[in-house]
């Protein structure tokens, strides 16, 4: 399929490429692109995006962009670039967590294991170890 080709989009079908409706009208679920949960009505001459889902009736669409230049492809490329370019703060947090998390786990396990071996009271020290873990790493 190339730019300028006419494709038919049946109800329930995902739109494969960005295009312009040339015949018909239908509701399209664009939540994958816009986040909007309510289907949007599109009529002749309206633009529709790849990954939208036709909810209502058959429409003919003229392809306006190649698969590598669709809105979805541009969003995917932007996400990829953002993941590769990490900020200074993000790199610091990752490096800090790399050492902090194991140290806290070892400390909590030590509190749970070593004192009960000496005192024989397991429950209190197990509870204290869990408190240390929850206070130090609330997401754990």
N, C-alpha and C. Protein backbone atom coordinates (compact mmCIF):
# COMPACT_ATOMS: atom_id res chain seq x y z
N UNK A 1 0.85 -1.18 0.00
CA UNK A 1 0.00 0.00 0.00
C UNK A 1 0.89 1.24 0.00
N UNK A 2 0.55 2.17 -0.88
CA UNK A 2 1.36 3.40 -0.95
C UNK A 2 0.47 4.63 -0.82
N UNK A 3 1.08 5.77 -0.63
CA UNK A 3 0.35 7.03 -0.50
C UNK A 3 -0.53 7.23 -1.73
N UNK A 4 -1.80 7.60 -1.48
CA UNK A 4 -2.75 7.81 -2.58
C UNK A 4 -3.66 6.62 -2.82
N UNK A 5 -3.29 5.43 -2.35
CA UNK A 5 -4.14 4.25 -2.51
C UNK A 5 -5.41 4.40 -1.67
N UNK A 6 -6.48 3.75 -2.13
CA UNK A 6 -7.75 3.75 -1.42
C UNK A 6 -7.90 2.40 -0.73
N UNK A 7 -8.19 2.43 0.57
CA UNK A 7 -8.40 1.19 1.32
C UNK A 7 -9.76 1.26 2.01
N UNK A 8 -10.39 0.11 2.16
CA UNK A 8 -11.68 0.03 2.85
C UNK A 8 -11.46 -0.41 4.29
N UNK A 9 -12.12 0.27 5.21
CA UNK A 9 -12.01 -0.06 6.63
C UNK A 9 -13.39 -0.52 7.11
N UNK A 10 -13.49 -1.80 7.46
CA UNK A 10 -14.74 -2.38 7.93
C UNK A 10 -14.92 -2.09 9.42
N UNK A 11 -16.16 -2.18 9.92
CA UNK A 11 -16.40 -2.01 11.35
C UNK A 11 -15.61 -3.05 12.16
N UNK A 12 -14.98 -2.61 13.24
CA UNK A 12 -14.18 -3.49 14.08
C UNK A 12 -12.74 -3.62 13.63
N UNK A 13 -12.42 -3.07 12.47
CA UNK A 13 -11.07 -3.18 11.91
C UNK A 13 -10.18 -2.04 12.39
N UNK A 14 -8.91 -2.34 12.61
CA UNK A 14 -7.93 -1.32 12.98
C UNK A 14 -7.42 -0.64 11.72
N UNK A 15 -7.33 0.68 11.75
CA UNK A 15 -6.84 1.45 10.61
C UNK A 15 -5.34 1.19 10.46
N UNK A 16 -4.89 0.69 9.29
CA UNK A 16 -3.48 0.32 9.14
C UNK A 16 -2.53 1.50 8.91
N UNK A 17 -3.02 2.57 8.26
CA UNK A 17 -2.17 3.72 7.92
C UNK A 17 -2.96 5.01 8.11
N UNK A 18 -2.25 6.12 8.31
CA UNK A 18 -2.92 7.42 8.38
C UNK A 18 -3.58 7.70 7.03
N UNK A 19 -4.73 8.35 7.08
CA UNK A 19 -5.41 8.66 5.83
C UNK A 19 -6.52 9.66 6.01
N UNK A 20 -7.23 9.89 4.89
CA UNK A 20 -8.34 10.84 4.86
C UNK A 20 -9.56 10.07 4.36
N UNK A 21 -10.68 10.22 5.05
CA UNK A 21 -11.90 9.53 4.63
C UNK A 21 -12.42 10.19 3.34
N UNK A 22 -12.64 9.36 2.33
CA UNK A 22 -13.16 9.90 1.07
C UNK A 22 -14.60 9.47 0.81
N UNK A 23 -15.07 8.45 1.56
CA UNK A 23 -16.45 8.01 1.38
C UNK A 23 -16.94 7.40 2.69
N UNK A 24 -18.06 7.92 3.19
CA UNK A 24 -18.66 7.37 4.40
C UNK A 24 -18.31 8.17 5.64
N UNK A 25 -18.79 7.67 6.75
CA UNK A 25 -18.53 8.27 8.05
C UNK A 25 -18.71 7.21 9.12
N UNK A 26 -17.97 7.33 10.20
CA UNK A 26 -18.03 6.31 11.24
C UNK A 26 -17.43 6.85 12.53
N UNK A 27 -17.72 6.15 13.62
CA UNK A 27 -17.07 6.45 14.90
C UNK A 27 -15.77 5.66 14.97
N UNK A 28 -14.71 6.33 15.44
CA UNK A 28 -13.41 5.69 15.57
C UNK A 28 -12.91 5.80 17.00
N UNK A 29 -12.42 4.68 17.52
CA UNK A 29 -11.80 4.65 18.84
C UNK A 29 -10.33 5.02 18.65
N UNK A 30 -9.96 6.21 19.10
CA UNK A 30 -8.59 6.70 18.95
C UNK A 30 -7.82 6.65 20.27
N UNK A 31 -8.29 5.85 21.21
CA UNK A 31 -7.68 5.83 22.54
C UNK A 31 -6.21 5.42 22.52
N UNK A 32 -5.79 4.62 21.56
CA UNK A 32 -4.39 4.22 21.48
C UNK A 32 -3.47 5.39 21.14
N UNK A 33 -4.01 6.41 20.49
CA UNK A 33 -3.20 7.56 20.09
C UNK A 33 -3.43 8.76 20.99
N UNK A 34 -4.70 9.11 21.21
CA UNK A 34 -5.02 10.34 21.94
C UNK A 34 -5.32 10.11 23.42
N UNK A 35 -5.65 8.88 23.78
CA UNK A 35 -6.04 8.60 25.16
C UNK A 35 -7.51 8.86 25.41
N UNK A 36 -8.20 9.41 24.44
CA UNK A 36 -9.63 9.71 24.56
C UNK A 36 -10.42 8.41 24.55
N UNK A 37 -11.21 8.17 25.60
CA UNK A 37 -11.92 6.89 25.71
C UNK A 37 -13.21 6.84 24.90
N UNK A 38 -13.75 8.00 24.55
CA UNK A 38 -15.01 8.05 23.80
C UNK A 38 -14.70 8.06 22.30
N UNK A 39 -15.36 7.16 21.53
CA UNK A 39 -15.14 7.16 20.07
C UNK A 39 -15.50 8.52 19.45
N UNK A 40 -14.75 8.90 18.42
CA UNK A 40 -14.92 10.19 17.75
C UNK A 40 -15.52 9.94 16.37
N UNK A 41 -16.53 10.74 16.01
CA UNK A 41 -17.14 10.58 14.68
C UNK A 41 -16.27 11.27 13.64
N UNK A 42 -15.97 10.54 12.57
CA UNK A 42 -15.18 11.08 11.46
C UNK A 42 -16.02 10.93 10.19
N UNK A 43 -16.02 11.99 9.38
CA UNK A 43 -16.79 11.99 8.13
C UNK A 43 -15.85 12.25 6.96
N UNK A 44 -16.43 12.35 5.77
CA UNK A 44 -15.62 12.60 4.57
C UNK A 44 -14.75 13.84 4.76
N UNK A 45 -13.51 13.74 4.29
CA UNK A 45 -12.47 14.79 4.35
C UNK A 45 -11.80 14.88 5.72
N UNK A 46 -12.26 14.10 6.72
CA UNK A 46 -11.58 14.09 8.02
C UNK A 46 -10.39 13.15 7.98
N UNK A 47 -9.37 13.50 8.73
CA UNK A 47 -8.17 12.67 8.82
C UNK A 47 -8.35 11.62 9.91
N UNK A 48 -7.90 10.40 9.64
CA UNK A 48 -7.90 9.36 10.67
C UNK A 48 -6.48 8.83 10.80
N UNK A 49 -6.19 8.32 11.99
CA UNK A 49 -4.83 7.88 12.31
C UNK A 49 -4.73 6.37 12.33
N UNK A 50 -3.54 5.88 11.98
CA UNK A 50 -3.26 4.45 12.10
C UNK A 50 -3.46 4.05 13.55
N UNK A 51 -3.91 2.83 13.78
CA UNK A 51 -4.17 2.24 15.09
C UNK A 51 -5.52 2.65 15.67
N UNK A 52 -6.26 3.52 14.98
CA UNK A 52 -7.64 3.81 15.39
C UNK A 52 -8.49 2.60 15.02
N UNK A 53 -9.55 2.37 15.76
CA UNK A 53 -10.43 1.24 15.48
C UNK A 53 -11.78 1.75 15.02
N UNK A 54 -12.21 1.27 13.85
CA UNK A 54 -13.51 1.65 13.30
C UNK A 54 -14.60 0.97 14.12
N UNK A 55 -15.46 1.77 14.74
CA UNK A 55 -16.48 1.22 15.64
C UNK A 55 -17.85 1.05 14.99
N UNK A 56 -18.09 1.68 13.85
CA UNK A 56 -19.47 1.80 13.40
C UNK A 56 -19.75 1.24 12.00
N UNK A 57 -19.27 1.91 10.96
CA UNK A 57 -19.65 1.50 9.60
C UNK A 57 -18.47 1.56 8.64
N UNK A 58 -18.68 0.99 7.46
CA UNK A 58 -17.63 0.90 6.44
C UNK A 58 -17.28 2.29 5.91
N UNK A 59 -15.98 2.56 5.76
CA UNK A 59 -15.51 3.81 5.15
C UNK A 59 -14.39 3.51 4.17
N UNK A 60 -14.29 4.35 3.14
CA UNK A 60 -13.15 4.30 2.23
C UNK A 60 -12.18 5.38 2.65
N UNK A 61 -10.89 5.02 2.67
CA UNK A 61 -9.86 5.94 3.15
C UNK A 61 -8.75 6.05 2.11
N UNK A 62 -8.32 7.27 1.84
CA UNK A 62 -7.16 7.50 0.98
C UNK A 62 -5.94 7.61 1.89
N UNK A 63 -4.95 6.77 1.63
CA UNK A 63 -3.73 6.76 2.44
C UNK A 63 -2.96 8.06 2.21
N UNK A 64 -2.57 8.73 3.32
CA UNK A 64 -1.85 10.01 3.21
C UNK A 64 -0.40 9.93 3.70
N UNK A 65 -0.05 8.86 4.41
CA UNK A 65 1.32 8.72 4.90
C UNK A 65 1.79 7.28 4.79
N UNK A 66 3.10 7.12 4.55
CA UNK A 66 3.70 5.79 4.57
C UNK A 66 3.69 5.25 6.00
N UNK A 67 3.89 3.95 6.13
CA UNK A 67 3.84 3.33 7.46
C UNK A 67 4.92 3.88 8.39
N UNK A 68 6.05 4.30 7.84
CA UNK A 68 7.14 4.82 8.69
C UNK A 68 6.91 6.26 9.12
N UNK A 69 5.90 6.93 8.52
CA UNK A 69 5.66 8.34 8.83
C UNK A 69 4.30 8.59 9.49
N UNK A 70 3.65 7.52 9.94
CA UNK A 70 2.36 7.70 10.61
C UNK A 70 2.55 8.34 11.98
N UNK A 71 1.46 8.84 12.53
CA UNK A 71 1.50 9.44 13.87
C UNK A 71 1.99 8.41 14.89
N UNK A 72 1.51 7.16 14.76
CA UNK A 72 1.93 6.10 15.68
C UNK A 72 3.43 5.86 15.58
N UNK A 73 3.97 5.83 14.37
CA UNK A 73 5.41 5.63 14.17
C UNK A 73 6.20 6.79 14.78
N UNK A 74 5.68 8.01 14.64
CA UNK A 74 6.36 9.17 15.22
C UNK A 74 6.35 9.11 16.75
N UNK A 75 5.23 8.67 17.33
CA UNK A 75 5.15 8.53 18.78
C UNK A 75 6.14 7.47 19.26
N UNK A 76 6.19 6.33 18.55
CA UNK A 76 7.12 5.26 18.92
C UNK A 76 8.57 5.73 18.84
N UNK A 77 8.89 6.50 17.82
CA UNK A 77 10.25 7.03 17.67
C UNK A 77 10.59 8.00 18.80
N UNK A 78 9.64 8.84 19.16
CA UNK A 78 9.86 9.79 20.26
C UNK A 78 10.11 9.07 21.58
N UNK A 79 9.35 8.00 21.82
CA UNK A 79 9.54 7.21 23.05
C UNK A 79 10.91 6.56 23.05
N UNK A 80 11.32 6.02 21.90
CA UNK A 80 12.63 5.38 21.80
C UNK A 80 13.75 6.37 22.09
N UNK A 81 13.66 7.56 21.52
CA UNK A 81 14.68 8.60 21.75
C UNK A 81 14.70 9.01 23.22
N UNK A 82 13.52 9.16 23.82
CA UNK A 82 13.45 9.56 25.23
C UNK A 82 14.07 8.51 26.13
N UNK A 83 13.90 7.23 25.80
CA UNK A 83 14.48 6.17 26.62
C UNK A 83 15.99 6.13 26.50
N UNK A 84 16.52 6.48 25.34
CA UNK A 84 17.97 6.47 25.14
C UNK A 84 18.66 7.66 25.81
N UNK A 85 17.98 8.78 25.88
CA UNK A 85 18.56 10.00 26.44
C UNK A 85 18.08 10.20 27.88
N UNK A 86 18.78 9.59 28.81
CA UNK A 86 18.40 9.71 30.22
C UNK A 86 19.02 10.95 30.82
N UNK A 87 18.28 11.56 31.73
CA UNK A 87 18.77 12.79 32.36
C UNK A 87 19.84 12.47 33.40
N UNK A 88 20.55 13.51 33.81
CA UNK A 88 21.61 13.38 34.82
C UNK A 88 21.01 12.85 36.13
N UNK A 89 19.86 13.35 36.50
CA UNK A 89 19.20 12.92 37.74
C UNK A 89 18.78 11.45 37.67
N UNK A 90 18.26 11.05 36.53
CA UNK A 90 17.82 9.67 36.36
C UNK A 90 19.01 8.71 36.47
N UNK A 91 20.12 9.08 35.87
CA UNK A 91 21.32 8.23 35.96
C UNK A 91 21.80 8.14 37.42
N UNK A 92 21.76 9.28 38.15
CA UNK A 92 22.18 9.28 39.55
C UNK A 92 21.27 8.37 40.38
N UNK A 93 19.96 8.48 40.20
CA UNK A 93 19.01 7.66 40.96
C UNK A 93 19.23 6.18 40.69
N UNK A 94 19.45 5.82 39.43
CA UNK A 94 19.69 4.41 39.10
C UNK A 94 20.97 3.90 39.76
N UNK A 95 22.02 4.72 39.74
CA UNK A 95 23.28 4.32 40.36
C UNK A 95 23.12 4.20 41.88
N UNK A 96 22.41 5.15 42.48
CA UNK A 96 22.17 5.14 43.92
C UNK A 96 21.37 3.89 44.31
N UNK A 97 20.30 3.60 43.58
CA UNK A 97 19.45 2.45 43.88
C UNK A 97 20.19 1.13 43.72
N UNK A 98 21.15 1.11 42.82
CA UNK A 98 21.94 -0.10 42.59
C UNK A 98 22.66 -0.54 43.86
N UNK A 99 23.10 0.42 44.68
CA UNK A 99 23.80 0.11 45.93
C UNK A 99 22.87 0.15 47.14
N UNK A 100 21.94 1.08 47.17
CA UNK A 100 21.06 1.28 48.32
C UNK A 100 20.18 0.06 48.58
N UNK A 101 19.55 -0.46 47.56
CA UNK A 101 18.61 -1.57 47.72
C UNK A 101 19.26 -2.81 48.32
N UNK A 102 20.39 -3.29 47.79
CA UNK A 102 21.01 -4.46 48.41
C UNK A 102 21.46 -4.21 49.86
N UNK A 103 21.95 -3.00 50.15
CA UNK A 103 22.38 -2.68 51.52
C UNK A 103 21.20 -2.76 52.48
N UNK A 104 20.06 -2.21 52.09
CA UNK A 104 18.87 -2.25 52.94
C UNK A 104 18.37 -3.69 53.11
N UNK A 105 18.39 -4.47 52.05
CA UNK A 105 17.97 -5.88 52.16
C UNK A 105 18.87 -6.66 53.10
N UNK A 106 20.17 -6.45 52.99
CA UNK A 106 21.12 -7.14 53.88
C UNK A 106 20.91 -6.69 55.32
N UNK A 107 20.71 -5.39 55.54
CA UNK A 107 20.48 -4.88 56.89
C UNK A 107 19.20 -5.47 57.49
N UNK A 108 18.13 -5.52 56.71
CA UNK A 108 16.87 -6.06 57.21
C UNK A 108 17.00 -7.55 57.53
N UNK A 109 17.65 -8.29 56.65
CA UNK A 109 17.87 -9.72 56.92
C UNK A 109 18.75 -9.93 58.14
N UNK A 110 19.75 -9.08 58.31
CA UNK A 110 20.62 -9.18 59.48
C UNK A 110 19.83 -8.94 60.76
N UNK A 111 18.95 -7.95 60.76
CA UNK A 111 18.12 -7.67 61.93
C UNK A 111 17.17 -8.84 62.20
N UNK A 112 16.71 -9.50 61.16
CA UNK A 112 15.79 -10.63 61.32
C UNK A 112 16.49 -11.90 61.80
N UNK A 113 17.77 -12.07 61.45
CA UNK A 113 18.45 -13.35 61.71
C UNK A 113 19.42 -13.31 62.89
N UNK A 114 20.30 -12.33 62.95
CA UNK A 114 21.38 -12.33 63.96
C UNK A 114 20.86 -12.16 65.40
N UNK A 115 20.07 -11.14 65.74
CA UNK A 115 19.61 -11.02 67.13
C UNK A 115 18.81 -12.23 67.64
N UNK A 116 17.92 -12.84 66.82
CA UNK A 116 17.22 -14.03 67.33
C UNK A 116 18.16 -15.19 67.66
N UNK A 117 19.28 -15.28 66.97
CA UNK A 117 20.24 -16.34 67.30
C UNK A 117 20.84 -16.11 68.69
N UNK A 118 20.97 -14.84 69.08
CA UNK A 118 21.55 -14.50 70.38
C UNK A 118 20.49 -14.52 71.48
N UNK A 119 19.33 -13.89 71.22
CA UNK A 119 18.30 -13.76 72.26
C UNK A 119 17.27 -14.88 72.26
N UNK A 120 17.08 -15.53 71.13
CA UNK A 120 16.09 -16.59 71.03
C UNK A 120 14.67 -16.07 70.78
N UNK A 121 14.51 -14.76 70.68
CA UNK A 121 13.18 -14.18 70.42
C UNK A 121 13.09 -13.85 68.93
N UNK A 122 12.39 -14.67 68.22
CA UNK A 122 12.32 -14.51 66.77
C UNK A 122 11.31 -13.45 66.34
N UNK A 123 10.09 -13.50 66.89
CA UNK A 123 8.99 -12.65 66.41
C UNK A 123 9.33 -11.17 66.48
N UNK A 124 9.83 -10.67 67.60
CA UNK A 124 10.13 -9.24 67.76
C UNK A 124 11.16 -8.77 66.74
N UNK A 125 12.20 -9.56 66.54
CA UNK A 125 13.26 -9.15 65.62
C UNK A 125 12.82 -9.27 64.17
N UNK A 126 11.98 -10.24 63.88
CA UNK A 126 11.43 -10.35 62.52
C UNK A 126 10.58 -9.12 62.21
N UNK A 127 9.76 -8.72 63.18
CA UNK A 127 8.92 -7.52 63.03
C UNK A 127 9.80 -6.28 62.83
N UNK A 128 10.85 -6.12 63.60
CA UNK A 128 11.75 -4.97 63.47
C UNK A 128 12.44 -4.96 62.10
N UNK A 129 12.81 -6.14 61.61
CA UNK A 129 13.41 -6.22 60.28
C UNK A 129 12.45 -5.78 59.19
N UNK A 130 11.18 -6.18 59.33
CA UNK A 130 10.16 -5.75 58.37
C UNK A 130 9.93 -4.25 58.45
N UNK A 131 9.93 -3.71 59.67
CA UNK A 131 9.77 -2.26 59.84
C UNK A 131 10.91 -1.53 59.15
N UNK A 132 12.14 -2.00 59.35
CA UNK A 132 13.30 -1.40 58.69
C UNK A 132 13.13 -1.44 57.16
N UNK A 133 12.68 -2.56 56.66
CA UNK A 133 12.50 -2.71 55.21
C UNK A 133 11.42 -1.76 54.68
N UNK A 134 10.29 -1.68 55.36
CA UNK A 134 9.19 -0.83 54.90
C UNK A 134 9.54 0.65 55.01
N UNK A 135 10.21 1.04 56.08
CA UNK A 135 10.58 2.45 56.25
C UNK A 135 11.65 2.85 55.24
N UNK A 136 12.58 1.97 54.97
CA UNK A 136 13.69 2.28 54.05
C UNK A 136 13.27 2.21 52.59
N UNK A 137 12.39 1.27 52.27
CA UNK A 137 11.93 1.09 50.89
C UNK A 137 10.42 0.92 50.90
N UNK A 138 9.65 2.00 50.96
CA UNK A 138 8.19 1.89 51.07
C UNK A 138 7.54 1.12 49.92
N UNK A 139 8.20 1.05 48.78
CA UNK A 139 7.62 0.33 47.63
C UNK A 139 7.89 -1.16 47.68
N UNK A 140 8.69 -1.61 48.62
CA UNK A 140 9.07 -3.04 48.69
C UNK A 140 7.89 -3.89 49.09
